[in-house]
Amino acid sequence: AILFEIVMFISSLYKCLLSEKSFDVGQTVTLQCPRDSSETNTLLFWIRLLPGNVPESLGGTPIFNDPTSYGPTLSPIKTKQEPGSFTLSLNEANLNDTGFYYCVKVQSLTKMMIFNSATFLKIKAPDSALSVESPDLSGTVDSGDSVDLQCWVQTENAQCFKEHMVLWFRSGLDQSSPGLVYAQRNSSGQCDRRAEDQGPHKCLYTFSKSISPSDAGTHRCAVAACGQILFGNKTKIDTKEMIWDLNKANTALILLSSIFGLIGLTFPICWTMKKLKKTNKGRDKQKLQVRHVRR
């Protein structure tokens, strides 16, 4: 909100209208800035301002009437001079491209800067119909056994599914916070596709691991794709050694509880018997004194 207010202030200061454009993830974005070819000693620049980042220069016109494209050759961001305009192109836009884009005109002699245009670009994540399924393989295994955890990922949107990641988490038997165990990128799964960019995509990811007692706990997969994160079902894995250790610990606790319980019962009994013994001694002494007086 603060960033938007600053942008509106700058736009009003330079009498620059702020427009808004929306595109879906994967689309090519084209922004145009008007230019007057009759002007000389004038430079045009495209500047981008993203939330949390410093302003970034995307390209400029070193020579105003030079029709050459400027910008890194392999970059998805291109700037080009065309008749009456200075164009900015973003190929395969992603969610991180959402932000403010300015076309700035700079007088090369006076260094005076004028904002020609300001655009708020919003990249939207399309309806991905993303789903995650993982079979519940909960059970008890021997230490050293290999376990295959599976995670099925399916989406109807092939475009946003090109870049995705599968993460595996584990939380201990004490229900502690889950920790990241393994990460798999989109190239490591077995995928069934009708076409490269059409139809549903379904991929199977398998996480194989030799189980040790420290691996006991709840395992779960998560899929990061299409601007969202979805979790699969939980799988609880116990090891026989861990169960044996827990049984021994429980037995020890029961024994200790019994011992302390016996101590707790013995102490008041002994104290009561000792008190009764003292009372009986006192009574016997009083009887002897009475007999002695009578004689």
C-alpha atoms as a PDB file:
ATOM      1  CA  ALA A   1       0.000   0.000   0.000  1.00  0.00           C
ATOM      2  CA  ILE A   2       2.833   2.406   0.853  1.00  0.00           C
ATOM      3  CA  LEU A   3       4.625   1.528  -2.383  1.00  0.00           C
ATOM      4  CA  PHE A   4       1.447   2.230  -4.372  1.00  0.00           C
ATOM      5  CA  GLU A   5       1.034   5.633  -2.694  1.00  0.00           C
ATOM      6  CA  ILE A   6       4.648   6.543  -3.510  1.00  0.00           C
ATOM      7  CA  VAL A   7       4.113   5.552  -7.139  1.00  0.00           C
ATOM      8  CA  MET A   8       0.934   7.625  -7.341  1.00  0.00           C
ATOM      9  CA  PHE A   9       2.787  10.597  -5.862  1.00  0.00           C
ATOM     10  CA  ILE A  10       5.597  10.294  -8.419  1.00  0.00           C
ATOM     11  CA  SER A  11       3.086   9.888 -11.239  1.00  0.00           C
ATOM     12  CA  SER A  12       1.158  13.006 -10.205  1.00  0.00           C
ATOM     13  CA  LEU A  13       4.388  14.943  -9.699  1.00  0.00           C
ATOM     14  CA  TYR A  14       5.466  14.304 -13.272  1.00  0.00           C
ATOM     15  CA  LYS A  15       1.912  14.426 -14.648  1.00  0.00           C
ATOM     16  CA  CYS A  16       2.224  10.798 -15.690  1.00  0.00           C
ATOM     17  CA  LEU A  17      -0.866   8.586 -15.869  1.00  0.00           C
ATOM     18  CA  LEU A  18      -0.624   5.202 -14.159  1.00  0.00           C
ATOM     19  CA  SER A  19      -2.193   2.405 -16.184  1.00  0.00           C
ATOM     20  CA  GLU A  20      -2.796  -1.195 -15.162  1.00  0.00           C
ATOM     21  CA  LYS A  21      -2.393  -4.320 -17.280  1.00  0.00           C
ATOM     22  CA  SER A  22      -2.945  -7.986 -16.430  1.00  0.00           C
ATOM     23  CA  PHE A  23      -1.479 -11.074 -18.066  1.00  0.00           C
ATOM     24  CA  ASP A  24      -1.476 -14.777 -17.276  1.00  0.00           C
ATOM     25  CA  VAL A  25       1.646 -16.697 -16.341  1.00  0.00           C
ATOM     26  CA  GLY A  26       3.555 -17.767 -19.460  1.00  0.00           C
ATOM     27  CA  GLN A  27       2.217 -15.047 -21.737  1.00  0.00           C
ATOM     28  CA  THR A  28       4.390 -12.538 -23.593  1.00  0.00           C
ATOM     29  CA  VAL A  29       3.988  -9.016 -22.222  1.00  0.00           C
ATOM     30  CA  THR A  30       4.499  -5.980 -24.470  1.00  0.00           C
ATOM     31  CA  LEU A  31       4.619  -2.437 -23.084  1.00  0.00           C
ATOM     32  CA  GLN A  32       5.018   0.588 -25.334  1.00  0.00           C
ATOM     33  CA  CYS A  33       6.391   4.029 -24.588  1.00  0.00           C
ATOM     34  CA  PRO A  34       5.711   6.898 -27.047  1.00  0.00           C
ATOM     35  CA  ARG A  35       8.777   8.506 -28.604  1.00  0.00           C
ATOM     36  CA  ASP A  36       9.295  11.464 -30.906  1.00  0.00           C
ATOM     37  CA  SER A  37      11.949  10.728 -33.504  1.00  0.00           C
ATOM     38  CA  SER A  38      12.397  14.444 -34.134  1.00  0.00           C
ATOM     39  CA  GLU A  39      13.881  14.956 -30.685  1.00  0.00           C
ATOM     40  CA  THR A  40      17.654  14.819 -30.411  1.00  0.00           C
ATOM     41  CA  ASN A  41      20.004  14.351 -27.460  1.00  0.00           C
ATOM     42  CA  THR A  42      17.285  12.404 -25.678  1.00  0.00           C
ATOM     43  CA  LEU A  43      17.505   8.960 -24.120  1.00  0.00           C
ATOM     44  CA  LEU A  44      14.693   6.585 -23.192  1.00  0.00           C
ATOM     45  CA  PHE A  45      14.886   3.937 -20.458  1.00  0.00           C
ATOM     46  CA  TRP A  46      12.615   1.230 -19.121  1.00  0.00           C
ATOM     47  CA  ILE A  47      12.815   0.936 -15.319  1.00  0.00           C
ATOM     48  CA  ARG A  48      11.133  -1.700 -13.183  1.00  0.00           C
ATOM     49  CA  LEU A  49      10.202  -1.421  -9.498  1.00  0.00           C
ATOM     50  CA  LEU A  50       9.258  -4.664  -7.746  1.00  0.00           C
ATOM     51  CA  PRO A  51       8.051  -4.910  -4.125  1.00  0.00           C
ATOM     52  CA  GLY A  52      11.016  -5.231  -1.784  1.00  0.00           C
ATOM     53  CA  ASN A  53      13.615  -4.524  -4.499  1.00  0.00           C
ATOM     54  CA  VAL A  54      15.541  -1.489  -5.668  1.00  0.00           C
ATOM     55  CA  PRO A  55      14.675   0.051  -9.066  1.00  0.00           C
ATOM     56  CA  GLU A  56      16.058  -1.998 -11.954  1.00  0.00           C
ATOM     57  CA  SER A  57      17.017  -0.716 -15.412  1.00  0.00           C
ATOM     58  CA  LEU A  58      15.738  -3.062 -18.131  1.00  0.00           C
ATOM     59  CA  GLY A  59      17.137  -1.305 -21.190  1.00  0.00           C
ATOM     60  CA  GLY A  60      17.713   2.044 -22.856  1.00  0.00           C
ATOM     61  CA  THR A  61      18.354   3.861 -26.130  1.00  0.00           C
ATOM     62  CA  PRO A  62      22.004   4.969 -26.325  1.00  0.00           C
ATOM     63  CA  ILE A  63      21.255   6.502 -29.732  1.00  0.00           C
ATOM     64  CA  PHE A  64      17.706   7.767 -30.022  1.00  0.00           C
ATOM     65  CA  ASN A  65      17.079   6.876 -33.662  1.00  0.00           C
ATOM     66  CA  ASP A  66      19.027   3.602 -33.644  1.00  0.00           C
ATOM     67  CA  PRO A  67      16.469   0.812 -34.372  1.00  0.00           C
ATOM     68  CA  THR A  68      18.652  -1.846 -32.712  1.00  0.00           C
ATOM     69  CA  SER A  69      17.289  -3.938 -29.839  1.00  0.00           C
ATOM     70  CA  TYR A  70      18.991  -3.492 -26.484  1.00  0.00           C
ATOM     71  CA  GLY A  71      19.256  -5.837 -23.543  1.00  0.00           C
ATOM     72  CA  PRO A  72      20.993  -9.158 -22.764  1.00  0.00           C
ATOM     73  CA  THR A  73      20.820 -11.561 -25.704  1.00  0.00           C
ATOM     74  CA  LEU A  74      19.572 -14.532 -23.663  1.00  0.00           C
ATOM     75  CA  SER A  75      17.370 -12.494 -21.335  1.00  0.00           C
ATOM     76  CA  PRO A  76      13.571 -12.906 -21.549  1.00  0.00           C
ATOM     77  CA  ILE A  77      13.388  -9.088 -21.311  1.00  0.00           C
ATOM     78  CA  LYS A  78      13.904  -7.155 -24.566  1.00  0.00           C
ATOM     79  CA  THR A  79      13.728  -3.470 -25.448  1.00  0.00           C
ATOM     80  CA  LYS A  80      13.393  -2.255 -29.022  1.00  0.00           C
ATOM     81  CA  GLN A  81      12.870   1.033 -30.850  1.00  0.00           C
ATOM     82  CA  GLU A  82       9.977   0.973 -33.274  1.00  0.00           C
ATOM     83  CA  PRO A  83       8.308   3.717 -35.313  1.00  0.00           C
ATOM     84  CA  GLY A  84       6.843   6.119 -32.766  1.00  0.00           C
ATOM     85  CA  SER A  85       7.487   3.898 -29.748  1.00  0.00           C
ATOM     86  CA  PHE A  86      10.104   2.317 -27.491  1.00  0.00           C
ATOM     87  CA  THR A  87       8.898  -1.232 -26.732  1.00  0.00           C
ATOM     88  CA  LEU A  88       9.544  -3.501 -23.765  1.00  0.00           C
ATOM     89  CA  SER A  89       8.863  -7.240 -24.155  1.00  0.00           C
ATOM     90  CA  LEU A  90       8.816  -9.923 -21.447  1.00  0.00           C
ATOM     91  CA  ASN A  91       8.751 -13.480 -22.751  1.00  0.00           C
ATOM     92  CA  GLU A  92       7.008 -16.134 -20.630  1.00  0.00           C
ATOM     93  CA  ALA A  93       6.104 -13.777 -17.798  1.00  0.00           C
ATOM     94  CA  ASN A  94       5.983 -15.271 -14.313  1.00  0.00           C
ATOM     95  CA  LEU A  95       4.490 -14.189 -10.995  1.00  0.00           C
ATOM     96  CA  ASN A  96       7.730 -12.479  -9.961  1.00  0.00           C
ATOM     97  CA  ASP A  97       7.313  -9.992 -12.828  1.00  0.00           C
ATOM     98  CA  THR A  98       4.389  -8.303 -11.055  1.00  0.00           C
ATOM     99  CA  GLY A  99       5.327  -4.683 -10.298  1.00  0.00           C
ATOM    100  CA  PHE A 100       5.594  -1.127 -11.641  1.00  0.00           C
ATOM    101  CA  TYR A 101       7.204  -0.374 -15.019  1.00  0.00           C
ATOM    102  CA  TYR A 102       8.276   3.130 -16.016  1.00  0.00           C
ATOM    103  CA  CYS A 103       9.375   4.623 -19.292  1.00  0.00           C
ATOM    104  CA  VAL A 104      11.738   7.489 -18.452  1.00  0.00           C
ATOM    105  CA  LYS A 105      13.003  10.153 -20.847  1.00  0.00           C
ATOM    106  CA  VAL A 106      16.333  11.774 -19.993  1.00  0.00           C
ATOM    107  CA  GLN A 107      17.767  14.896 -21.619  1.00  0.00           C
ATOM    108  CA  SER A 108      21.413  14.032 -22.266  1.00  0.00           C
ATOM    109  CA  LEU A 109      22.553  17.664 -21.872  1.00  0.00           C
ATOM    110  CA  THR A 110      20.534  18.851 -18.883  1.00  0.00           C
ATOM    111  CA  LYS A 111      20.123  15.364 -17.312  1.00  0.00           C
ATOM    112  CA  MET A 112      16.498  16.270 -16.668  1.00  0.00           C
ATOM    113  CA  MET A 113      14.313  13.195 -16.168  1.00  0.00           C
ATOM    114  CA  ILE A 114      10.709  12.965 -17.325  1.00  0.00           C
ATOM    115  CA  PHE A 115       8.360  10.027 -16.705  1.00  0.00           C
ATOM    116  CA  ASN A 116       6.677   9.274 -20.029  1.00  0.00           C
ATOM    117  CA  SER A 117       4.531   6.406 -18.781  1.00  0.00           C
ATOM    118  CA  ALA A 118       3.906   4.274 -15.711  1.00  0.00           C
ATOM    119  CA  THR A 119       2.292   0.837 -15.790  1.00  0.00           C
ATOM    120  CA  PHE A 120       1.339  -1.514 -12.995  1.00  0.00           C
ATOM    121  CA  LEU A 121       1.807  -4.990 -14.440  1.00  0.00           C
ATOM    122  CA  LYS A 122      -0.022  -7.853 -12.730  1.00  0.00           C
ATOM    123  CA  ILE A 123       0.833 -11.434 -13.630  1.00  0.00           C
ATOM    124  CA  LYS A 124      -1.955 -13.825 -12.675  1.00  0.00           C
ATOM    125  CA  ALA A 125      -1.684 -17.519 -11.976  1.00  0.00           C
ATOM    126  CA  PRO A 126      -4.304 -19.261 -14.137  1.00  0.00           C
ATOM    127  CA  ASP A 127      -6.632 -21.905 -12.791  1.00  0.00           C
ATOM    128  CA  SER A 128      -4.201 -24.765 -12.493  1.00  0.00           C
ATOM    129  CA  ALA A 129      -6.546 -27.521 -11.286  1.00  0.00           C
ATOM    130  CA  LEU A 130      -3.544 -28.798  -9.376  1.00  0.00           C
ATOM    131  CA  SER A 131      -4.011 -31.939  -7.289  1.00  0.00           C
ATOM    132  CA  VAL A 132      -1.665 -34.005  -5.131  1.00  0.00           C
ATOM    133  CA  GLU A 133      -2.196 -37.603  -4.041  1.00  0.00           C
ATOM    134  CA  SER A 134       0.052 -39.807  -1.939  1.00  0.00           C
ATOM    135  CA  PRO A 135      -0.861 -43.325  -0.751  1.00  0.00           C
ATOM    136  CA  ASP A 136      -0.802 -43.906   2.988  1.00  0.00           C
ATOM    137  CA  LEU A 137       1.998 -46.429   3.564  1.00  0.00           C
ATOM    138  CA  SER A 138       2.014 -46.161   7.349  1.00  0.00           C
ATOM    139  CA  GLY A 139       3.479 -49.159   9.142  1.00  0.00           C
ATOM    140  CA  THR A 140       6.354 -50.662  11.085  1.00  0.00           C
ATOM    141  CA  VAL A 141       9.587 -51.706   9.374  1.00  0.00           C
ATOM    142  CA  ASP A 142      12.906 -53.179  10.398  1.00  0.00           C
ATOM    143  CA  SER A 143      15.864 -50.868  10.689  1.00  0.00           C
ATOM    144  CA  GLY A 144      17.763 -50.955   7.384  1.00  0.00           C
ATOM    145  CA  ASP A 145      14.712 -51.743   5.237  1.00  0.00           C
ATOM    146  CA  SER A 146      14.098 -49.581   2.171  1.00  0.00           C
ATOM    147  CA  VAL A 147      10.813 -47.680   1.926  1.00  0.00           C
ATOM    148  CA  ASP A 148       9.408 -46.084  -1.247  1.00  0.00           C
ATOM    149  CA  LEU A 149       7.218 -43.052  -0.574  1.00  0.00           C
ATOM    150  CA  GLN A 150       5.107 -41.924  -3.535  1.00  0.00           C
ATOM    151  CA  CYS A 151       3.544 -38.623  -4.538  1.00  0.00           C
ATOM    152  CA  TRP A 152       1.250 -38.182  -7.557  1.00  0.00           C
ATOM    153  CA  VAL A 153       0.965 -34.690  -9.053  1.00  0.00           C
ATOM    154  CA  GLN A 154      -1.624 -33.760 -11.676  1.00  0.00           C
ATOM    155  CA  THR A 155      -2.619 -30.485 -13.321  1.00  0.00           C
ATOM    156  CA  GLU A 156      -4.665 -29.382 -16.310  1.00  0.00           C
ATOM    157  CA  ASN A 157      -2.429 -26.379 -16.954  1.00  0.00           C
ATOM    158  CA  ALA A 158       0.760 -27.432 -18.703  1.00  0.00           C
ATOM    159  CA  GLN A 159       2.102 -23.898 -19.025  1.00  0.00           C
ATOM    160  CA  CYS A 160       2.475 -23.126 -15.323  1.00  0.00           C
ATOM    161  CA  PHE A 161       3.479 -26.721 -14.567  1.00  0.00           C
ATOM    162  CA  LYS A 162       6.746 -26.415 -16.484  1.00  0.00           C
ATOM    163  CA  GLU A 163       8.491 -25.264 -13.317  1.00  0.00           C
ATOM    164  CA  HIS A 164       7.510 -27.157 -10.194  1.00  0.00           C
ATOM    165  CA  MET A 165       9.165 -28.820  -7.224  1.00  0.00           C
ATOM    166  CA  VAL A 166       8.293 -31.706  -4.921  1.00  0.00           C
ATOM    167  CA  LEU A 167       9.426 -31.424  -1.301  1.00  0.00           C
ATOM    168  CA  TRP A 168       9.516 -34.186   1.310  1.00  0.00           C
ATOM    169  CA  PHE A 169       9.087 -33.355   4.995  1.00  0.00           C
ATOM    170  CA  ARG A 170       9.392 -35.399   8.185  1.00  0.00           C
ATOM    171  CA  SER A 171       8.251 -34.657  11.722  1.00  0.00           C
ATOM    172  CA  GLY A 172       9.493 -36.771  14.632  1.00  0.00           C
ATOM    173  CA  LEU A 173       7.490 -39.027  16.916  1.00  0.00           C
ATOM    174  CA  ASP A 174       7.315 -36.140  19.376  1.00  0.00           C
ATOM    175  CA  GLN A 175       5.217 -34.227  16.796  1.00  0.00           C
ATOM    176  CA  SER A 176       7.982 -31.663  16.368  1.00  0.00           C
ATOM    177  CA  SER A 177       7.913 -29.142  13.527  1.00  0.00           C
ATOM    178  CA  PRO A 178       8.434 -30.847  10.140  1.00  0.00           C
ATOM    179  CA  GLY A 179      11.880 -30.549   8.598  1.00  0.00           C
ATOM    180  CA  LEU A 180      12.841 -30.728   4.920  1.00  0.00           C
ATOM    181  CA  VAL A 181      14.317 -34.124   4.051  1.00  0.00           C
ATOM    182  CA  TYR A 182      14.589 -34.087   0.245  1.00  0.00           C
ATOM    183  CA  ALA A 183      13.668 -31.949  -2.769  1.00  0.00           C
ATOM    184  CA  GLN A 184      12.940 -33.062  -6.337  1.00  0.00           C
ATOM    185  CA  ARG A 185      12.604 -30.843  -9.399  1.00  0.00           C
ATOM    186  CA  ASN A 186      10.236 -31.350 -12.303  1.00  0.00           C
ATOM    187  CA  SER A 187      12.779 -33.318 -14.357  1.00  0.00           C
ATOM    188  CA  SER A 188      13.128 -36.153 -11.821  1.00  0.00           C
ATOM    189  CA  GLY A 189       9.585 -37.515 -12.009  1.00  0.00           C
ATOM    190  CA  GLN A 190       7.915 -40.063 -14.277  1.00  0.00           C
ATOM    191  CA  CYS A 191       5.418 -38.000 -16.253  1.00  0.00           C
ATOM    192  CA  ASP A 192       2.597 -38.991 -18.579  1.00  0.00           C
ATOM    193  CA  ARG A 193       1.802 -36.208 -21.052  1.00  0.00           C
ATOM    194  CA  ARG A 194      -0.519 -36.093 -24.040  1.00  0.00           C
ATOM    195  CA  ALA A 195       1.483 -33.311 -25.648  1.00  0.00           C
ATOM    196  CA  GLU A 196       4.253 -30.929 -24.748  1.00  0.00           C
ATOM    197  CA  ASP A 197       1.978 -27.995 -23.911  1.00  0.00           C
ATOM    198  CA  GLN A 198      -1.527 -29.437 -24.057  1.00  0.00           C
ATOM    199  CA  GLY A 199      -3.696 -31.733 -21.998  1.00  0.00           C
ATOM    200  CA  PRO A 200      -3.342 -32.868 -18.407  1.00  0.00           C
ATOM    201  CA  HIS A 201       0.042 -33.572 -16.897  1.00  0.00           C
ATOM    202  CA  LYS A 202       0.447 -36.365 -14.347  1.00  0.00           C
ATOM    203  CA  CYS A 203       3.779 -37.148 -12.716  1.00  0.00           C
ATOM    204  CA  LEU A 204       4.830 -39.753 -10.176  1.00  0.00           C
ATOM    205  CA  TYR A 205       7.602 -38.889  -7.724  1.00  0.00           C
ATOM    206  CA  THR A 206       9.204 -41.595  -5.607  1.00  0.00           C
ATOM    207  CA  PHE A 207      11.384 -40.996  -2.580  1.00  0.00           C
ATOM    208  CA  SER A 208      13.350 -44.123  -1.652  1.00  0.00           C
ATOM    209  CA  LYS A 209      15.156 -44.277   1.651  1.00  0.00           C
ATOM    210  CA  SER A 210      16.846 -46.868   3.844  1.00  0.00           C
ATOM    211  CA  ILE A 211      15.114 -46.452   7.187  1.00  0.00           C
ATOM    212  CA  SER A 212      17.042 -46.016  10.419  1.00  0.00           C
ATOM    213  CA  PRO A 213      15.604 -45.452  13.919  1.00  0.00           C
ATOM    214  CA  SER A 214      16.118 -41.695  13.471  1.00  0.00           C
ATOM    215  CA  ASP A 215      13.814 -41.754  10.403  1.00  0.00           C
ATOM    216  CA  ALA A 216      10.798 -42.798  12.452  1.00  0.00           C
ATOM    217  CA  GLY A 217       7.998 -40.251  12.308  1.00  0.00           C
ATOM    218  CA  THR A 218       5.441 -38.763   9.936  1.00  0.00           C
ATOM    219  CA  HIS A 219       6.472 -38.239   6.310  1.00  0.00           C
ATOM    220  CA  ARG A 220       4.636 -35.991   3.864  1.00  0.00           C
ATOM    221  CA  CYS A 221       5.154 -34.606   0.357  1.00  0.00           C
ATOM    222  CA  ALA A 222       4.401 -31.052  -0.780  1.00  0.00           C
ATOM    223  CA  VAL A 223       4.225 -29.703  -4.327  1.00  0.00           C
ATOM    224  CA  ALA A 224       5.127 -26.116  -5.213  1.00  0.00           C
ATOM    225  CA  ALA A 225       3.690 -25.240  -8.642  1.00  0.00           C
ATOM    226  CA  CYS A 226       1.496 -22.701 -10.398  1.00  0.00           C
ATOM    227  CA  GLY A 227       1.905 -20.155  -7.601  1.00  0.00           C
ATOM    228  CA  GLN A 228       0.651 -22.424  -4.840  1.00  0.00           C
ATOM    229  CA  ILE A 229       1.749 -25.204  -2.474  1.00  0.00           C
ATOM    230  CA  LEU A 230      -0.302 -28.344  -1.867  1.00  0.00           C
ATOM    231  CA  PHE A 231       0.381 -31.162   0.615  1.00  0.00           C
ATOM    232  CA  GLY A 232      -0.180 -34.888   0.205  1.00  0.00           C
ATOM    233  CA  ASN A 233      -1.358 -37.401   2.783  1.00  0.00           C
ATOM    234  CA  LYS A 234       0.671 -38.218   5.870  1.00  0.00           C
ATOM    235  CA  THR A 235       2.580 -41.494   6.174  1.00  0.00           C
ATOM    236  CA  LYS A 236       3.695 -42.599   9.636  1.00  0.00           C
ATOM    237  CA  ILE A 237       6.710 -44.900   9.772  1.00  0.00           C
ATOM    238  CA  ASP A 238       7.868 -46.697  12.918  1.00  0.00           C
ATOM    239  CA  THR A 239      10.896 -48.940  13.328  1.00  0.00           C
ATOM    240  CA  LYS A 240      10.842 -52.082  15.462  1.00  0.00           C
ATOM    241  CA  GLU A 241      13.942 -50.894  17.288  1.00  0.00           C
ATOM    242  CA  MET A 242      12.232 -47.630  18.110  1.00  0.00           C
ATOM    243  CA  ILE A 243       9.146 -49.476  19.374  1.00  0.00           C
ATOM    244  CA  TRP A 244      11.370 -51.806  21.440  1.00  0.00           C
ATOM    245  CA  ASP A 245      13.157 -48.808  22.921  1.00  0.00           C
ATOM    246  CA  LEU A 246       9.825 -47.193  23.709  1.00  0.00           C
ATOM    247  CA  ASN A 247       8.592 -50.400  25.343  1.00  0.00           C
ATOM    248  CA  LYS A 248      11.748 -50.593  27.444  1.00  0.00           C
ATOM    249  CA  ALA A 249      11.349 -46.964  28.414  1.00  0.00           C
ATOM    250  CA  ASN A 250       7.714 -47.543  29.372  1.00  0.00           C
ATOM    251  CA  THR A 251       8.701 -50.612  31.426  1.00  0.00           C
ATOM    252  CA  ALA A 252      11.383 -48.616  33.219  1.00  0.00           C
ATOM    253  CA  LEU A 253       8.891 -45.858  33.968  1.00  0.00           C
ATOM    254  CA  ILE A 254       6.402 -48.379  35.361  1.00  0.00           C
ATOM    255  CA  LEU A 255       9.087 -49.940  37.583  1.00  0.00           C
ATOM    256  CA  LEU A 256      10.216 -46.551  38.835  1.00  0.00           C
ATOM    257  CA  SER A 257       6.632 -45.549  39.523  1.00  0.00           C
ATOM    258  CA  SER A 258       6.078 -48.778  41.456  1.00  0.00           C
ATOM    259  CA  ILE A 259       9.261 -48.274  43.499  1.00  0.00           C
ATOM    260  CA  PHE A 260       8.355 -44.696  44.366  1.00  0.00           C
ATOM    261  CA  GLY A 261       4.841 -45.841  45.173  1.00  0.00           C
ATOM    262  CA  LEU A 262       6.136 -48.490  47.564  1.00  0.00           C
ATOM    263  CA  ILE A 263       8.437 -45.950  49.179  1.00  0.00           C
ATOM    264  CA  GLY A 264       5.510 -43.587  49.528  1.00  0.00           C
ATOM    265  CA  LEU A 265       3.433 -46.265  51.232  1.00  0.00           C
ATOM    266  CA  THR A 266       6.251 -47.620  53.429  1.00  0.00           C
ATOM    267  CA  PHE A 267       7.196 -44.279  54.930  1.00  0.00           C
ATOM    268  CA  PRO A 268       3.807 -43.441  56.526  1.00  0.00           C
ATOM    269  CA  ILE A 269       3.413 -47.048  57.743  1.00  0.00           C
ATOM    270  CA  CYS A 270       6.823 -46.990  59.452  1.00  0.00           C
ATOM    271  CA  TRP A 271       6.121 -43.549  60.896  1.00  0.00           C
ATOM    272  CA  THR A 272       2.755 -44.725  62.269  1.00  0.00           C
ATOM    273  CA  MET A 273       4.248 -47.899  63.774  1.00  0.00           C
ATOM    274  CA  LYS A 274       7.030 -45.899  65.404  1.00  0.00           C
ATOM    275  CA  LYS A 275       4.498 -43.493  66.893  1.00  0.00           C
ATOM    276  CA  LEU A 276       2.387 -46.348  68.244  1.00  0.00           C
ATOM    277  CA  LYS A 277       5.488 -47.927  69.777  1.00  0.00           C
ATOM    278  CA  LYS A 278       6.316 -44.691  71.591  1.00  0.00           C
ATOM    279  CA  THR A 279       2.734 -44.418  72.824  1.00  0.00           C
ATOM    280  CA  ASN A 280       2.767 -47.984  74.175  1.00  0.00           C
ATOM    281  CA  LYS A 281       6.065 -47.356  75.984  1.00  0.00           C
ATOM    282  CA  GLY A 282       4.580 -44.285  77.635  1.00  0.00           C
ATOM    283  CA  ARG A 283       1.530 -46.215  78.812  1.00  0.00           C
ATOM    284  CA  ASP A 284       3.686 -49.042  80.257  1.00  0.00           C
ATOM    285  CA  LYS A 285       5.780 -46.490  82.159  1.00  0.00           C
ATOM    286  CA  GLN A 286       2.679 -44.881  83.625  1.00  0.00           C
ATOM    287  CA  LYS A 287       1.386 -48.299  84.799  1.00  0.00           C
ATOM    288  CA  LEU A 288       4.689 -49.056  86.575  1.00  0.00           C
ATOM    289  CA  GLN A 289       4.573 -45.701  88.368  1.00  0.00           C
ATOM    290  CA  VAL A 290       1.017 -46.348  89.568  1.00  0.00           C
ATOM    291  CA  ARG A 291       1.915 -49.782  90.939  1.00  0.00           C
ATOM    292  CA  HIS A 292       4.915 -48.347  92.751  1.00  0.00           C
ATOM    293  CA  VAL A 293       2.771 -45.712  94.498  1.00  0.00           C
ATOM    294  CA  ARG A 294       0.208 -48.283  95.659  1.00  0.00           C
ATOM    295  CA  ARG A 295       2.894 -50.364  97.319  1.00  0.00           C
END
